[in-house]
PDB file of all heavy atoms in Angstrom:
ATOM      1  N   GLY A   1       0.829  -1.265   0.001  1.00  0.00           N
ATOM      2  CA  GLY A   1       0.035  -0.051   0.074  1.00  0.00           C
ATOM      3  C   GLY A   1       0.878   1.272  -0.027  1.00  0.00           C
ATOM      4  O   GLY A   1       0.588   2.219  -0.766  1.00  0.00           O
ATOM      5  N   SER A   2       1.746   1.288   0.954  1.00  0.00           N
ATOM      6  CA  SER A   2       2.671   2.466   1.036  1.00  0.00           C
ATOM      7  C   SER A   2       4.066   2.340   0.213  1.00  0.00           C
ATOM      8  O   SER A   2       4.716   3.411   0.073  1.00  0.00           O
ATOM      9  CB  SER A   2       2.972   2.771   2.393  1.00  0.00           C
ATOM     10  OG  SER A   2       1.778   3.089   3.172  1.00  0.00           O
ATOM     11  N   SER A   3       4.470   1.106  -0.150  1.00  0.00           N
ATOM     12  CA  SER A   3       5.806   0.989  -0.622  1.00  0.00           C
ATOM     13  C   SER A   3       6.073   1.539  -1.980  1.00  0.00           C
ATOM     14  O   SER A   3       7.205   1.809  -2.301  1.00  0.00           O
ATOM     15  CB  SER A   3       6.102  -0.577  -0.600  1.00  0.00           C
ATOM     16  OG  SER A   3       5.234  -1.298  -1.653  1.00  0.00           O
ATOM     17  N   PRO A   4       5.060   1.905  -2.816  1.00  0.00           N
ATOM     18  CA  PRO A   4       5.450   2.705  -4.034  1.00  0.00           C
ATOM     19  C   PRO A   4       6.300   3.990  -3.660  1.00  0.00           C
ATOM     20  O   PRO A   4       7.198   4.307  -4.380  1.00  0.00           O
ATOM     21  CB  PRO A   4       4.154   2.986  -4.600  1.00  0.00           C
ATOM     22  CG  PRO A   4       3.248   1.782  -4.262  1.00  0.00           C
ATOM     23  CD  PRO A   4       3.688   1.455  -2.881  1.00  0.00           C
ATOM     24  N   ALA A   5       6.000   4.601  -2.431  1.00  0.00           N
ATOM     25  CA  ALA A   5       6.689   5.721  -2.127  1.00  0.00           C
ATOM     26  C   ALA A   5       8.158   5.440  -1.817  1.00  0.00           C
ATOM     27  O   ALA A   5       9.135   6.152  -2.251  1.00  0.00           O
ATOM     28  CB  ALA A   5       6.151   6.466  -0.781  1.00  0.00           C
ATOM     29  N   TYR A   6       8.410   4.196  -1.198  1.00  0.00           N
ATOM     30  CA  TYR A   6       9.764   3.777  -0.949  1.00  0.00           C
ATOM     31  C   TYR A   6      10.529   3.619  -2.250  1.00  0.00           C
ATOM     32  O   TYR A   6      11.703   4.001  -2.428  1.00  0.00           O
ATOM     33  CB  TYR A   6      10.115   2.570  -0.099  1.00  0.00           C
ATOM     34  CG  TYR A   6       8.952   2.285   0.905  1.00  0.00           C
ATOM     35  CD1 TYR A   6       8.649   0.853   1.293  1.00  0.00           C
ATOM     36  CD2 TYR A   6       8.142   3.130   1.597  1.00  0.00           C
ATOM     37  CE1 TYR A   6       7.779   0.562   2.208  1.00  0.00           C
ATOM     38  CE2 TYR A   6       7.170   2.851   2.577  1.00  0.00           C
ATOM     39  CZ  TYR A   6       7.000   1.560   2.798  1.00  0.00           C
ATOM     40  OH  TYR A   6       6.108   1.133   3.680  1.00  0.00           O
ATOM     41  N   VAL A   7       9.868   2.928  -3.214  1.00  0.00           N
ATOM     42  CA  VAL A   7      10.397   2.652  -4.455  1.00  0.00           C
ATOM     43  C   VAL A   7      10.688   3.905  -5.321  1.00  0.00           C
ATOM     44  O   VAL A   7      11.770   4.007  -5.900  1.00  0.00           O
ATOM     45  CB  VAL A   7       9.523   1.619  -5.322  1.00  0.00           C
ATOM     46  CG1 VAL A   7      10.146   1.376  -6.719  1.00  0.00           C
ATOM     47  CG2 VAL A   7       9.305   0.364  -4.592  1.00  0.00           C
ATOM     48  N   TYR A   8       9.894   4.915  -5.219  1.00  0.00           N
ATOM     49  CA  TYR A   8      10.041   6.153  -5.890  1.00  0.00           C
ATOM     50  C   TYR A   8      11.297   6.860  -5.292  1.00  0.00           C
ATOM     51  O   TYR A   8      12.086   7.442  -6.079  1.00  0.00           O
ATOM     52  CB  TYR A   8       8.959   7.081  -5.786  1.00  0.00           C
ATOM     53  CG  TYR A   8       7.667   6.498  -6.381  1.00  0.00           C
ATOM     54  CD1 TYR A   8       6.353   6.860  -5.800  1.00  0.00           C
ATOM     55  CD2 TYR A   8       7.654   5.729  -7.465  1.00  0.00           C
ATOM     56  CE1 TYR A   8       5.139   6.346  -6.288  1.00  0.00           C
ATOM     57  CE2 TYR A   8       6.413   5.215  -8.020  1.00  0.00           C
ATOM     58  CZ  TYR A   8       5.196   5.475  -7.420  1.00  0.00           C
ATOM     59  OH  TYR A   8       4.040   5.009  -7.942  1.00  0.00           O
ATOM     60  N   MET A   9      11.560   6.746  -4.017  1.00  0.00           N
ATOM     61  CA  MET A   9      12.690   7.271  -3.270  1.00  0.00           C
ATOM     62  C   MET A   9      13.936   6.595  -3.895  1.00  0.00           C
ATOM     63  O   MET A   9      14.962   7.187  -4.105  1.00  0.00           O
ATOM     64  CB  MET A   9      12.585   7.240  -1.858  1.00  0.00           C
ATOM     65  CG  MET A   9      11.578   8.190  -1.268  1.00  0.00           C
ATOM     66  SD  MET A   9      11.317   7.881   0.565  1.00  0.00           S
ATOM     67  CE  MET A   9      12.946   8.487   1.146  1.00  0.00           C
ATOM     68  N   PHE A  10      13.924   5.227  -4.043  1.00  0.00           N
ATOM     69  CA  PHE A  10      15.036   4.499  -4.510  1.00  0.00           C
ATOM     70  C   PHE A  10      15.343   4.852  -5.900  1.00  0.00           C
ATOM     71  O   PHE A  10      16.543   5.014  -6.317  1.00  0.00           O
ATOM     72  CB  PHE A  10      14.699   3.008  -4.366  1.00  0.00           C
ATOM     73  CG  PHE A  10      15.796   2.084  -4.890  1.00  0.00           C
ATOM     74  CD1 PHE A  10      17.041   2.102  -4.410  1.00  0.00           C
ATOM     75  CD2 PHE A  10      15.458   1.172  -5.895  1.00  0.00           C
ATOM     76  CE1 PHE A  10      18.048   1.243  -4.925  1.00  0.00           C
ATOM     77  CE2 PHE A  10      16.465   0.320  -6.394  1.00  0.00           C
ATOM     78  CZ  PHE A  10      17.713   0.353  -5.877  1.00  0.00           C
ATOM     79  N   ILE A  11      14.314   4.981  -6.764  1.00  0.00           N
ATOM     80  CA  ILE A  11      14.453   5.475  -8.168  1.00  0.00           C
ATOM     81  C   ILE A  11      15.124   6.852  -8.262  1.00  0.00           C
ATOM     82  O   ILE A  11      16.129   7.104  -8.927  1.00  0.00           O
ATOM     83  CB  ILE A  11      13.176   5.354  -9.015  1.00  0.00           C
ATOM     84  CG1 ILE A  11      12.769   4.001  -9.200  1.00  0.00           C
ATOM     85  CG2 ILE A  11      13.384   6.210 -10.306  1.00  0.00           C
ATOM     86  CD1 ILE A  11      11.350   3.813  -9.727  1.00  0.00           C
ATOM     87  N   GLU A  12      14.618   7.739  -7.353  1.00  0.00           N
ATOM     88  CA  GLU A  12      15.239   9.064  -7.251  1.00  0.00           C
ATOM     89  C   GLU A  12      16.661   9.084  -6.771  1.00  0.00           C
ATOM     90  O   GLU A  12      17.553   9.729  -7.439  1.00  0.00           O
ATOM     91  CB  GLU A  12      14.408   9.929  -6.424  1.00  0.00           C
ATOM     92  CG  GLU A  12      14.762  11.432  -6.396  1.00  0.00           C
ATOM     93  CD  GLU A  12      13.941  12.245  -5.410  1.00  0.00           C
ATOM     94  OE1 GLU A  12      13.482  11.725  -4.373  1.00  0.00           O
ATOM     95  OE2 GLU A  12      13.807  13.474  -5.767  1.00  0.00           O
ATOM     96  N   ALA A  13      17.014   8.267  -5.910  1.00  0.00           N
ATOM     97  CA  ALA A  13      18.377   8.171  -5.353  1.00  0.00           C
ATOM     98  C   ALA A  13      19.284   7.553  -6.554  1.00  0.00           C
ATOM     99  O   ALA A  13      20.395   7.983  -6.704  1.00  0.00           O
ATOM    100  CB  ALA A  13      18.426   7.281  -4.213  1.00  0.00           C
ATOM    101  N   LEU A  14      18.842   6.600  -7.151  1.00  0.00           N
ATOM    102  CA  LEU A  14      19.638   5.904  -8.169  1.00  0.00           C
ATOM    103  C   LEU A  14      19.947   7.033  -9.329  1.00  0.00           C
ATOM    104  O   LEU A  14      21.061   7.181  -9.945  1.00  0.00           O
ATOM    105  CB  LEU A  14      18.853   4.793  -8.897  1.00  0.00           C
ATOM    106  CG  LEU A  14      18.826   3.465  -8.216  1.00  0.00           C
ATOM    107  CD1 LEU A  14      17.944   2.437  -9.019  1.00  0.00           C
ATOM    108  CD2 LEU A  14      20.230   2.832  -8.036  1.00  0.00           C
ATOM    109  N   ALA A  15      18.943   7.791  -9.630  1.00  0.00           N
ATOM    110  CA  ALA A  15      19.014   8.812 -10.716  1.00  0.00           C
ATOM    111  C   ALA A  15      20.054   9.911 -10.266  1.00  0.00           C
ATOM    112  O   ALA A  15      20.782  10.345 -10.998  1.00  0.00           O
ATOM    113  CB  ALA A  15      17.673   9.429 -11.023  1.00  0.00           C
ATOM    114  N   ASP A  16      19.884  10.241  -8.908  1.00  0.00           N
ATOM    115  CA  ASP A  16      20.910  11.279  -8.419  1.00  0.00           C
ATOM    116  C   ASP A  16      22.334  10.800  -8.490  1.00  0.00           C
ATOM    117  O   ASP A  16      23.168  11.661  -8.899  1.00  0.00           O
ATOM    118  CB  ASP A  16      20.495  11.540  -6.979  1.00  0.00           C
ATOM    119  CG  ASP A  16      19.343  12.462  -6.718  1.00  0.00           C
ATOM    120  OD1 ASP A  16      18.764  12.952  -7.714  1.00  0.00           O
ATOM    121  OD2 ASP A  16      18.769  12.461  -5.528  1.00  0.00           O
ATOM    122  N   GLY A  17      22.498   9.529  -8.259  1.00  0.00           N
ATOM    123  CA  GLY A  17      23.875   9.089  -8.430  1.00  0.00           C
ATOM    124  C   GLY A  17      24.448   9.175  -9.884  1.00  0.00           C
ATOM    125  O   GLY A  17      25.556   9.492 -10.028  1.00  0.00           O
ATOM    126  N   ALA A  18      23.556   8.957 -10.851  1.00  0.00           N
ATOM    127  CA  ALA A  18      23.952   9.064 -12.285  1.00  0.00           C
ATOM    128  C   ALA A  18      24.080  10.484 -12.680  1.00  0.00           C
ATOM    129  O   ALA A  18      25.022  10.867 -13.362  1.00  0.00           O
ATOM    130  CB  ALA A  18      22.982   8.329 -13.147  1.00  0.00           C
ATOM    131  N   VAL A  19      23.307  11.323 -12.214  1.00  0.00           N
ATOM    132  CA  VAL A  19      23.212  12.769 -12.445  1.00  0.00           C
ATOM    133  C   VAL A  19      24.572  13.373 -11.915  1.00  0.00           C
ATOM    134  O   VAL A  19      25.185  14.184 -12.533  1.00  0.00           O
ATOM    135  CB  VAL A  19      22.119  13.546 -11.795  1.00  0.00           C
ATOM    136  CG1 VAL A  19      22.226  14.971 -11.964  1.00  0.00           C
ATOM    137  CG2 VAL A  19      20.758  13.144 -12.566  1.00  0.00           C
ATOM    138  N   ALA A  20      25.106  12.853 -10.772  1.00  0.00           N
ATOM    139  CA  ALA A  20      26.238  13.366 -10.187  1.00  0.00           C
ATOM    140  C   ALA A  20      27.521  13.059 -10.951  1.00  0.00           C
ATOM    141  O   ALA A  20      28.554  13.673 -10.883  1.00  0.00           O
ATOM    142  CB  ALA A  20      26.488  12.716  -8.787  1.00  0.00           C
ATOM    143  N   GLU A  21      27.321  11.931 -11.862  1.00  0.00           N
ATOM    144  CA  GLU A  21      28.387  11.582 -12.839  1.00  0.00           C
ATOM    145  C   GLU A  21      28.170  12.167 -14.152  1.00  0.00           C
ATOM    146  O   GLU A  21      28.887  11.812 -15.159  1.00  0.00           O
ATOM    147  CB  GLU A  21      28.384  10.061 -13.005  1.00  0.00           C
ATOM    148  CG  GLU A  21      28.807   9.386 -11.613  1.00  0.00           C
ATOM    149  CD  GLU A  21      30.313   9.651 -11.255  1.00  0.00           C
ATOM    150  OE1 GLU A  21      31.124   9.836 -12.160  1.00  0.00           O
ATOM    151  OE2 GLU A  21      30.533   9.814 -10.034  1.00  0.00           O
ATOM    152  N   GLY A  22      27.233  13.106 -14.301  1.00  0.00           N
ATOM    153  CA  GLY A  22      27.045  13.838 -15.562  1.00  0.00           C
ATOM    154  C   GLY A  22      25.925  13.383 -16.499  1.00  0.00           C
ATOM    155  O   GLY A  22      25.654  13.939 -17.599  1.00  0.00           O
ATOM    156  N   MET A  23      25.064  12.346 -16.165  1.00  0.00           N
ATOM    157  CA  MET A  23      23.940  11.918 -16.959  1.00  0.00           C
ATOM    158  C   MET A  23      22.808  12.878 -16.772  1.00  0.00           C
ATOM    159  O   MET A  23      22.469  13.323 -15.719  1.00  0.00           O
ATOM    160  CB  MET A  23      23.542  10.555 -16.506  1.00  0.00           C
ATOM    161  CG  MET A  23      22.406   9.935 -17.315  1.00  0.00           C
ATOM    162  SD  MET A  23      21.838   8.275 -16.902  1.00  0.00           S
ATOM    163  CE  MET A  23      23.116   7.319 -17.676  1.00  0.00           C
ATOM    164  N   PRO A  24      22.204  13.303 -17.868  1.00  0.00           N
ATOM    165  CA  PRO A  24      21.063  14.188 -17.737  1.00  0.00           C
ATOM    166  C   PRO A  24      19.987  13.545 -16.954  1.00  0.00           C
ATOM    167  O   PRO A  24      19.670  12.385 -17.007  1.00  0.00           O
ATOM    168  CB  PRO A  24      20.503  14.315 -19.300  1.00  0.00           C
ATOM    169  CG  PRO A  24      21.798  13.939 -20.133  1.00  0.00           C
ATOM    170  CD  PRO A  24      22.554  13.066 -19.229  1.00  0.00           C
ATOM    171  N   ARG A  25      19.213  14.428 -16.183  1.00  0.00           N
ATOM    172  CA  ARG A  25      18.261  13.889 -15.177  1.00  0.00           C
ATOM    173  C   ARG A  25      17.107  13.053 -15.809  1.00  0.00           C
ATOM    174  O   ARG A  25      16.747  11.937 -15.337  1.00  0.00           O
ATOM    175  CB  ARG A  25      17.700  14.975 -14.415  1.00  0.00           C
ATOM    176  CG  ARG A  25      16.654  14.562 -13.300  1.00  0.00           C
ATOM    177  CD  ARG A  25      16.529  15.502 -12.146  1.00  0.00           C
ATOM    178  NE  ARG A  25      17.732  15.694 -11.348  1.00  0.00           N
ATOM    179  CZ  ARG A  25      18.061  14.935 -10.415  1.00  0.00           C
ATOM    180  NH1 ARG A  25      17.425  13.847 -10.054  1.00  0.00           N
ATOM    181  NH2 ARG A  25      19.227  15.187  -9.765  1.00  0.00           N
ATOM    182  N   ALA A  26      16.547  13.585 -16.840  1.00  0.00           N
ATOM    183  CA  ALA A  26      15.462  12.676 -17.540  1.00  0.00           C
ATOM    184  C   ALA A  26      16.004  11.431 -17.896  1.00  0.00           C
ATOM    185  O   ALA A  26      15.204  10.467 -17.840  1.00  0.00           O
ATOM    186  CB  ALA A  26      14.960  13.647 -18.726  1.00  0.00           C
ATOM    187  N   GLN A  27      17.117  11.322 -18.526  1.00  0.00           N
ATOM    188  CA  GLN A  27      17.719  10.135 -18.891  1.00  0.00           C
ATOM    189  C   GLN A  27      17.965   9.175 -17.755  1.00  0.00           C
ATOM    190  O   GLN A  27      17.656   7.949 -17.757  1.00  0.00           O
ATOM    191  CB  GLN A  27      18.945  10.264 -19.738  1.00  0.00           C
ATOM    192  CG  GLN A  27      19.512   9.087 -20.403  1.00  0.00           C
ATOM    193  CD  GLN A  27      20.699   9.215 -21.237  1.00  0.00           C
ATOM    194  OE1 GLN A  27      21.648  10.060 -20.864  1.00  0.00           O
ATOM    195  NE2 GLN A  27      20.671   8.820 -22.551  1.00  0.00           N
ATOM    196  N   ALA A  28      18.451   9.838 -16.658  1.00  0.00           N
ATOM    197  CA  ALA A  28      18.789   9.024 -15.412  1.00  0.00           C
ATOM    198  C   ALA A  28      17.473   8.301 -14.813  1.00  0.00           C
ATOM    199  O   ALA A  28      17.429   7.271 -14.446  1.00  0.00           O
ATOM    200  CB  ALA A  28      19.427   9.888 -14.411  1.00  0.00           C
ATOM    201  N   TYR A  29      16.323   9.134 -14.765  1.00  0.00           N
ATOM    202  CA  TYR A  29      15.072   8.509 -14.301  1.00  0.00           C
ATOM    203  C   TYR A  29      14.679   7.486 -15.186  1.00  0.00           C
ATOM    204  O   TYR A  29      14.153   6.466 -14.702  1.00  0.00           O
ATOM    205  CB  TYR A  29      13.988   9.612 -14.276  1.00  0.00           C
ATOM    206  CG  TYR A  29      14.083  10.595 -13.088  1.00  0.00           C
ATOM    207  CD1 TYR A  29      13.955  12.019 -13.348  1.00  0.00           C
ATOM    208  CD2 TYR A  29      14.408  10.214 -11.803  1.00  0.00           C
ATOM    209  CE1 TYR A  29      14.015  12.957 -12.305  1.00  0.00           C
ATOM    210  CE2 TYR A  29      14.507  11.036 -10.764  1.00  0.00           C
ATOM    211  CZ  TYR A  29      14.270  12.375 -11.012  1.00  0.00           C
ATOM    212  OH  TYR A  29      14.338  13.303  -9.969  1.00  0.00           O
ATOM    213  N   LYS A  30      14.929   7.528 -16.554  1.00  0.00           N
ATOM    214  CA  LYS A  30      14.564   6.441 -17.369  1.00  0.00           C
ATOM    215  C   LYS A  30      15.219   5.235 -17.147  1.00  0.00           C
ATOM    216  O   LYS A  30      14.808   4.054 -16.952  1.00  0.00           O
ATOM    217  CB  LYS A  30      14.629   6.956 -18.921  1.00  0.00           C
ATOM    218  CG  LYS A  30      14.051   5.848 -19.815  1.00  0.00           C
ATOM    219  CD  LYS A  30      14.014   6.347 -21.352  1.00  0.00           C
ATOM    220  CE  LYS A  30      13.460   5.433 -22.230  1.00  0.00           C
ATOM    221  NZ  LYS A  30      13.506   6.044 -23.613  1.00  0.00           N
ATOM    222  N   PHE A  31      16.497   5.454 -17.020  1.00  0.00           N
ATOM    223  CA  PHE A  31      17.471   4.194 -16.685  1.00  0.00           C
ATOM    224  C   PHE A  31      17.092   3.573 -15.483  1.00  0.00           C
ATOM    225  O   PHE A  31      16.970   2.214 -15.293  1.00  0.00           O
ATOM    226  CB  PHE A  31      18.868   4.627 -16.749  1.00  0.00           C
ATOM    227  CG  PHE A  31      19.595   4.596 -18.140  1.00  0.00           C
ATOM    228  CD1 PHE A  31      19.539   5.563 -18.957  1.00  0.00           C
ATOM    229  CD2 PHE A  31      20.160   3.403 -18.454  1.00  0.00           C
ATOM    230  CE1 PHE A  31      20.055   5.468 -20.139  1.00  0.00           C
ATOM    231  CE2 PHE A  31      20.899   3.355 -19.697  1.00  0.00           C
ATOM    232  CZ  PHE A  31      20.759   4.433 -20.563  1.00  0.00           C
ATOM    233  N   ALA A  32      16.867   4.460 -14.406  1.00  0.00           N
ATOM    234  CA  ALA A  32      16.601   3.898 -13.059  1.00  0.00           C
ATOM    235  C   ALA A  32      15.303   3.139 -12.964  1.00  0.00           C
ATOM    236  O   ALA A  32      15.179   2.103 -12.419  1.00  0.00           O
ATOM    237  CB  ALA A  32      16.640   5.053 -12.001  1.00  0.00           C
ATOM    238  N   ALA A  33      14.250   3.770 -13.485  1.00  0.00           N
ATOM    239  CA  ALA A  33      12.859   3.189 -13.471  1.00  0.00           C
ATOM    240  C   ALA A  33      12.827   1.831 -14.335  1.00  0.00           C
ATOM    241  O   ALA A  33      12.223   1.008 -13.791  1.00  0.00           O
ATOM    242  CB  ALA A  33      11.931   4.148 -13.966  1.00  0.00           C
ATOM    243  N   GLN A  34      13.374   1.862 -15.451  1.00  0.00           N
ATOM    244  CA  GLN A  34      13.418   0.694 -16.253  1.00  0.00           C
ATOM    245  C   GLN A  34      14.271  -0.519 -15.582  1.00  0.00           C
ATOM    246  O   GLN A  34      13.825  -1.633 -15.596  1.00  0.00           O
ATOM    247  CB  GLN A  34      14.016   0.920 -17.586  1.00  0.00           C
ATOM    248  CG  GLN A  34      14.025  -0.303 -18.596  1.00  0.00           C
ATOM    249  CD  GLN A  34      12.622  -0.844 -18.801  1.00  0.00           C
ATOM    250  OE1 GLN A  34      11.695   0.006 -18.950  1.00  0.00           O
ATOM    251  NE2 GLN A  34      12.449  -2.135 -18.964  1.00  0.00           N
ATOM    252  N   ALA A  35      15.251  -0.190 -14.848  1.00  0.00           N
ATOM    253  CA  ALA A  35      15.975  -1.202 -14.154  1.00  0.00           C
ATOM    254  C   ALA A  35      15.109  -1.731 -12.933  1.00  0.00           C
ATOM    255  O   ALA A  35      15.099  -3.025 -12.793  1.00  0.00           O
ATOM    256  CB  ALA A  35      17.276  -0.640 -13.484  1.00  0.00           C
ATOM    257  N   VAL A  36      14.306  -0.890 -12.246  1.00  0.00           N
ATOM    258  CA  VAL A  36      13.404  -1.430 -11.229  1.00  0.00           C
ATOM    259  C   VAL A  36      12.320  -2.230 -11.829  1.00  0.00           C
ATOM    260  O   VAL A  36      11.907  -3.317 -11.410  1.00  0.00           O
ATOM    261  CB  VAL A  36      12.820  -0.227 -10.479  1.00  0.00           C
ATOM    262  CG1 VAL A  36      11.824  -0.648  -9.518  1.00  0.00           C
ATOM    263  CG2 VAL A  36      13.968   0.568  -9.568  1.00  0.00           C
ATOM    264  N   LEU A  37      11.631  -1.748 -12.908  1.00  0.00           N
ATOM    265  CA  LEU A  37      10.616  -2.431 -13.643  1.00  0.00           C
ATOM    266  C   LEU A  37      11.089  -3.856 -14.115  1.00  0.00           C
ATOM    267  O   LEU A  37      10.497  -4.872 -13.851  1.00  0.00           O
ATOM    268  CB  LEU A  37      10.168  -1.745 -14.862  1.00  0.00           C
ATOM    269  CG  LEU A  37       9.127  -2.452 -15.672  1.00  0.00           C
ATOM    270  CD1 LEU A  37       7.761  -2.637 -14.921  1.00  0.00           C
ATOM    271  CD2 LEU A  37       8.712  -1.459 -16.923  1.00  0.00           C
ATOM    272  N   GLY A  38      12.375  -3.889 -14.743  1.00  0.00           N
ATOM    273  CA  GLY A  38      12.851  -5.123 -15.257  1.00  0.00           C
ATOM    274  C   GLY A  38      13.221  -6.098 -14.050  1.00  0.00           C
ATOM    275  O   GLY A  38      12.921  -7.416 -14.282  1.00  0.00           O
ATOM    276  N   SER A  39      13.740  -5.663 -13.047  1.00  0.00           N
ATOM    277  CA  SER A  39      14.071  -6.513 -11.976  1.00  0.00           C
ATOM    278  C   SER A  39      12.835  -7.086 -11.223  1.00  0.00           C
ATOM    279  O   SER A  39      12.822  -8.325 -10.948  1.00  0.00           O
ATOM    280  CB  SER A  39      14.847  -5.630 -10.902  1.00  0.00           C
ATOM    281  OG  SER A  39      16.050  -5.083 -11.459  1.00  0.00           O
ATOM    282  N   ALA A  40      11.838  -6.303 -11.111  1.00  0.00           N
ATOM    283  CA  ALA A  40      10.515  -6.800 -10.509  1.00  0.00           C
ATOM    284  C   ALA A  40       9.904  -7.871 -11.460  1.00  0.00           C
ATOM    285  O   ALA A  40       9.461  -8.868 -10.968  1.00  0.00           O
ATOM    286  CB  ALA A  40       9.599  -5.627 -10.419  1.00  0.00           C
ATOM    287  N   LYS A  41       9.919  -7.654 -12.821  1.00  0.00           N
ATOM    288  CA  LYS A  41       9.504  -8.726 -13.743  1.00  0.00           C
ATOM    289  C   LYS A  41      10.322  -9.938 -13.592  1.00  0.00           C
ATOM    290  O   LYS A  41       9.717 -11.037 -13.680  1.00  0.00           O
ATOM    291  CB  LYS A  41       9.496  -8.114 -15.148  1.00  0.00           C
ATOM    292  CG  LYS A  41       8.463  -7.034 -15.349  1.00  0.00           C
ATOM    293  CD  LYS A  41       8.266  -6.878 -16.938  1.00  0.00           C
ATOM    294  CE  LYS A  41       7.564  -7.942 -17.632  1.00  0.00           C
ATOM    295  NZ  LYS A  41       7.309  -7.733 -18.974  1.00  0.00           N
ATOM    296  N   MET A  42      11.538  -9.934 -13.354  1.00  0.00           N
ATOM    297  CA  MET A  42      12.392 -11.036 -13.243  1.00  0.00           C
ATOM    298  C   MET A  42      11.882 -11.905 -11.986  1.00  0.00           C
ATOM    299  O   MET A  42      11.809 -13.126 -12.109  1.00  0.00           O
ATOM    300  CB  MET A  42      13.888 -10.713 -13.116  1.00  0.00           C
ATOM    301  CG  MET A  42      14.577 -10.217 -14.226  1.00  0.00           C
ATOM    302  SD  MET A  42      14.971 -11.456 -15.463  1.00  0.00           S
ATOM    303  CE  MET A  42      16.351 -12.226 -14.588  1.00  0.00           C
TER     304      MET A  42
END
């Protein structure tokens, strides 16, 4: 019920790490979200 909020925080943190290395933020969110989606499907 509440865990989507935790997952969104994780996605945001993953993206922040990539942005710190120079990746554009929109692209970082896409990479992070797709990684979470793919892992859940696995």
